[in-house]
Amino acid sequence: MDTIKNVINVVGAIYRDDKWLMIKRSEKEEYAPGIIAMVGGKVENEGEEYNVLENTLRREVMEEVGIELSEKLIYIESIGFISKKWGPVVDVIFLCKLEKGEPYPASPSEVAEVYWMTTEEISENEKVPQWVKKCISNADKVRLSLNGN
């Protein structure tokens, strides 16, 4: 029986007040150079570890934009697609609140710029892929429900 292996990415819908942290991916990136997206990266599971997805997301966020997330990460959704380079990929999206720091391109080979954008600005921006717009919209609904709106 063949085993299908999936690459797993974790992605943070990171918010502060009513804005979302978005990055412009470096032009040096192999996958989706130059697009505006959320922060995230591939899971590199090296053995038995608890909270693999959460730990990976915290590490990637610190490496890419130099900030810390609040303790609570809330699962939003998952998206599957086929990559020409990696084959089957699963993106796992979490709602995250900025805890500490001011984001900046900590890894210029991955992140060219950082932005704080409203849900409306994201939905109207042509450089933001449709799947990112949908994820932010879904994350915003969860964020608002947590705040009792």
Foldseek 3Di string as FASTA:
>chain_A
DDDDDAWEKEFEQEDDDQWTKWFQWDCLDPPLHGFIATFMGTQDDPDDDPPSRVVRRQVRCCQAWNFGWDPDKAWQDKDWDQDPPGGIYIYTYTYTYTDDDDTAGNPCSTTVGMDIHGLVVLVPDPRYDPVRNVSNVSSVVVVVVVVVD
